[in-house]
Amino acid sequence: MKKILIICIVFFITTSISAQLKQHINPDGVNKPKTYSQVVKVNGGSMIFTSGIVADDTNGTIIGKGDLKAQVRQAFENLKIVLAAAGADFKDVVKMTYYVVNYKPDQIPMIREVRANYLPNENPPASTLVGVAALFNPDVLIEIEAVAVIKRQKKNYIHN
């Protein structure tokens, strides 16, 4: 009976440790932002790296030409599809990078407003926003990259 109890305790501890794939840290001594985490520590699992995701449809046509808010929304919708294809969703994202053409600080509230519809409020991912002069297509106003971590699985996801 004692052996069974010890085995159960060891199993519970190892299961609890492996279940915590990521740890969001906002340490003392730096700003503790509400909209992103200063650092996300990954404790194993499978890592997913997206390409730069833009506001295009399945034919490559840019959605929301000249409208940053529409492009942010469409880029997040496309990112949702891409993450799902790899077995992840927004709660699994640990790092995001935004590239915004002709960025102005007054655009931040709008970007955060759209982003709030997709990312978790508690433990948001580490994030970086970079203002750029241009992207690969003059109609593209934003490009978003994401890194996610999921529990290791043997299941195959969508491949092309």
Protein backbone atom coordinates (compact mmCIF):
# COMPACT_ATOMS: atom_id res chain seq x y z
CA MET A 1 0.00 0.00 0.00
CA LYS A 2 2.83 2.36 0.85
CA LYS A 3 4.45 1.68 -2.57
CA ILE A 4 1.21 2.51 -4.36
CA LEU A 5 0.88 5.76 -2.43
CA ILE A 6 4.48 6.76 -3.28
CA ILE A 7 3.95 5.90 -6.96
CA CYS A 8 0.75 7.98 -7.02
CA ILE A 9 2.49 10.95 -5.39
CA VAL A 10 5.44 10.77 -7.81
CA PHE A 11 3.04 10.48 -10.77
CA PHE A 12 1.03 13.47 -9.55
CA ILE A 13 4.13 15.62 -9.07
CA THR A 14 5.63 14.77 -12.47
CA THR A 15 2.28 15.27 -14.19
CA SER A 16 1.85 18.67 -12.50
CA ILE A 17 5.34 19.77 -13.47
CA SER A 18 5.03 18.67 -17.10
CA ALA A 19 1.57 20.24 -17.37
CA GLN A 20 3.08 23.68 -16.71
CA LEU A 21 4.53 24.26 -20.17
CA LYS A 22 5.01 27.99 -19.80
CA GLN A 23 5.51 30.49 -17.03
CA HIS A 24 4.68 34.19 -17.46
CA ILE A 25 7.08 36.39 -15.50
CA ASN A 26 6.90 40.11 -14.76
CA PRO A 27 9.79 40.47 -12.29
CA ASP A 28 10.30 43.18 -9.72
CA GLY A 29 12.51 46.00 -10.93
CA VAL A 30 10.82 46.44 -14.34
CA ASN A 31 7.45 47.70 -15.55
CA LYS A 32 4.62 45.19 -14.96
CA PRO A 33 2.45 45.73 -18.05
CA LYS A 34 -1.14 44.55 -18.24
CA THR A 35 -1.17 43.92 -22.00
CA TYR A 36 1.93 41.71 -22.39
CA SER A 37 4.38 39.68 -20.31
CA GLN A 38 8.00 40.78 -19.93
CA VAL A 39 9.20 37.18 -20.31
CA VAL A 40 7.65 33.78 -20.92
CA LYS A 41 9.68 30.74 -19.85
CA VAL A 42 9.00 27.56 -21.83
CA ASN A 43 9.40 24.33 -19.87
CA GLY A 44 9.30 21.81 -22.71
CA GLY A 45 6.63 20.94 -25.19
CA SER A 46 6.52 21.49 -28.94
CA MET A 47 7.34 24.97 -30.21
CA ILE A 48 5.44 26.52 -33.11
CA PHE A 49 6.85 29.42 -35.13
CA THR A 50 4.61 31.22 -37.60
CA SER A 51 5.70 33.18 -40.61
CA GLY A 52 4.68 36.80 -40.83
CA ILE A 53 0.89 36.74 -41.06
CA VAL A 54 -0.86 39.51 -42.99
CA ALA A 55 -4.43 40.49 -43.84
CA ASP A 56 -4.87 38.49 -47.03
CA ASP A 57 -7.52 36.06 -48.24
CA THR A 58 -6.93 32.57 -49.61
CA ASN A 59 -6.06 34.04 -53.02
CA GLY A 60 -3.46 36.42 -51.56
CA THR A 61 -5.65 39.51 -52.01
CA ILE A 62 -5.09 42.07 -49.25
CA ILE A 63 -8.17 42.68 -47.08
CA GLY A 64 -8.76 46.23 -45.77
CA LYS A 65 -6.48 48.19 -48.06
CA GLY A 66 -5.66 51.50 -46.38
CA ASP A 67 -7.47 50.46 -43.14
CA LEU A 68 -5.07 49.41 -40.37
CA LYS A 69 -7.84 48.26 -38.00
CA ALA A 70 -9.38 46.00 -40.66
CA GLN A 71 -5.94 44.58 -41.42
CA VAL A 72 -5.15 43.93 -37.75
CA ARG A 73 -8.47 42.07 -37.41
CA GLN A 74 -7.90 39.99 -40.58
CA ALA A 75 -4.30 39.21 -39.63
CA PHE A 76 -5.50 37.88 -36.26
CA GLU A 77 -8.18 35.79 -38.02
CA ASN A 78 -5.50 34.35 -40.32
CA LEU A 79 -3.21 33.75 -37.34
CA LYS A 80 -6.03 31.83 -35.62
CA ILE A 81 -6.26 29.51 -38.66
CA VAL A 82 -2.49 29.04 -38.86
CA LEU A 83 -2.16 28.24 -35.14
CA ALA A 84 -5.07 25.76 -35.30
CA ALA A 85 -3.38 23.96 -38.20
CA ALA A 86 -0.46 23.28 -35.85
CA GLY A 87 -2.70 22.22 -32.95
CA ALA A 88 -2.47 25.52 -31.05
CA ASP A 89 -4.58 28.56 -30.27
CA PHE A 90 -3.98 32.02 -28.84
CA LYS A 91 -3.67 30.80 -25.25
CA ASP A 92 -0.59 28.83 -26.37
CA VAL A 93 1.21 31.89 -27.81
CA VAL A 94 4.29 32.93 -25.83
CA LYS A 95 5.73 35.67 -28.09
CA MET A 96 4.32 38.01 -30.72
CA THR A 97 6.06 40.50 -32.98
CA TYR A 98 4.13 43.19 -34.84
CA TYR A 99 5.55 45.09 -37.81
CA VAL A 100 3.49 48.22 -38.51
CA VAL A 101 4.05 50.42 -41.57
CA ASN A 102 4.45 54.15 -40.75
CA TYR A 103 3.73 53.41 -37.09
CA LYS A 104 2.46 56.19 -34.84
CA PRO A 105 2.07 55.77 -31.04
CA ASP A 106 -1.60 56.83 -31.21
CA GLN A 107 -2.31 53.56 -33.09
CA ILE A 108 -1.53 51.44 -30.02
CA PRO A 109 -5.00 51.68 -28.38
CA MET A 110 -6.70 50.48 -31.58
CA ILE A 111 -4.25 47.59 -32.03
CA ARG A 112 -4.75 46.60 -28.37
CA GLU A 113 -8.53 46.83 -28.76
CA VAL A 114 -8.52 44.34 -31.65
CA ARG A 115 -5.88 42.14 -30.01
CA ALA A 116 -7.98 41.89 -26.84
CA ASN A 117 -10.59 39.92 -28.81
CA TYR A 118 -8.05 37.17 -29.45
CA LEU A 119 -5.37 37.05 -26.76
CA PRO A 120 -5.97 36.03 -23.15
CA ASN A 121 -6.25 38.92 -20.68
CA GLU A 122 -4.50 36.90 -18.01
CA ASN A 123 -0.91 35.99 -18.88
CA PRO A 124 -0.67 37.62 -22.31
CA PRO A 125 2.39 36.71 -24.41
CA ALA A 126 5.64 38.64 -24.55
CA SER A 127 5.27 41.20 -27.34
CA THR A 128 7.29 43.56 -29.51
CA LEU A 129 6.00 46.20 -31.92
CA VAL A 130 8.35 47.49 -34.62
CA GLY A 131 7.55 50.47 -36.81
CA VAL A 132 8.75 49.95 -40.38
CA ALA A 133 8.86 52.08 -43.53
CA ALA A 134 7.36 49.34 -45.71
CA LEU A 135 6.64 45.63 -45.96
CA PHE A 136 6.77 43.28 -48.96
CA ASN A 137 3.56 44.66 -50.52
CA PRO A 138 2.63 48.38 -50.46
CA ASP A 139 -0.97 47.49 -49.47
CA VAL A 140 0.14 45.55 -46.36
CA LEU A 141 0.04 47.76 -43.24
CA ILE A 142 0.77 45.12 -40.55
CA GLU A 143 2.53 41.77 -40.33
CA ILE A 144 2.33 39.61 -37.21
CA GLU A 145 4.61 36.73 -36.16
CA ALA A 146 3.85 34.38 -33.29
CA VAL A 147 5.67 31.72 -31.31
CA ALA A 148 3.53 29.19 -29.43
CA VAL A 149 4.22 26.17 -27.25
CA ILE A 150 1.98 23.14 -26.87
CA LYS A 151 2.28 19.89 -24.99
CA ARG A 152 4.21 17.36 -27.07
CA GLN A 153 1.85 15.20 -29.07
CA LYS A 154 2.31 12.48 -31.65
CA LYS A 155 -0.72 13.57 -33.68
CA ASN A 156 0.04 14.94 -37.12
CA TYR A 157 -1.58 18.22 -38.05
CA ILE A 158 -2.32 19.80 -41.39
CA HIS A 159 0.67 19.74 -43.75
CA ASN A 160 1.08 21.17 -47.23
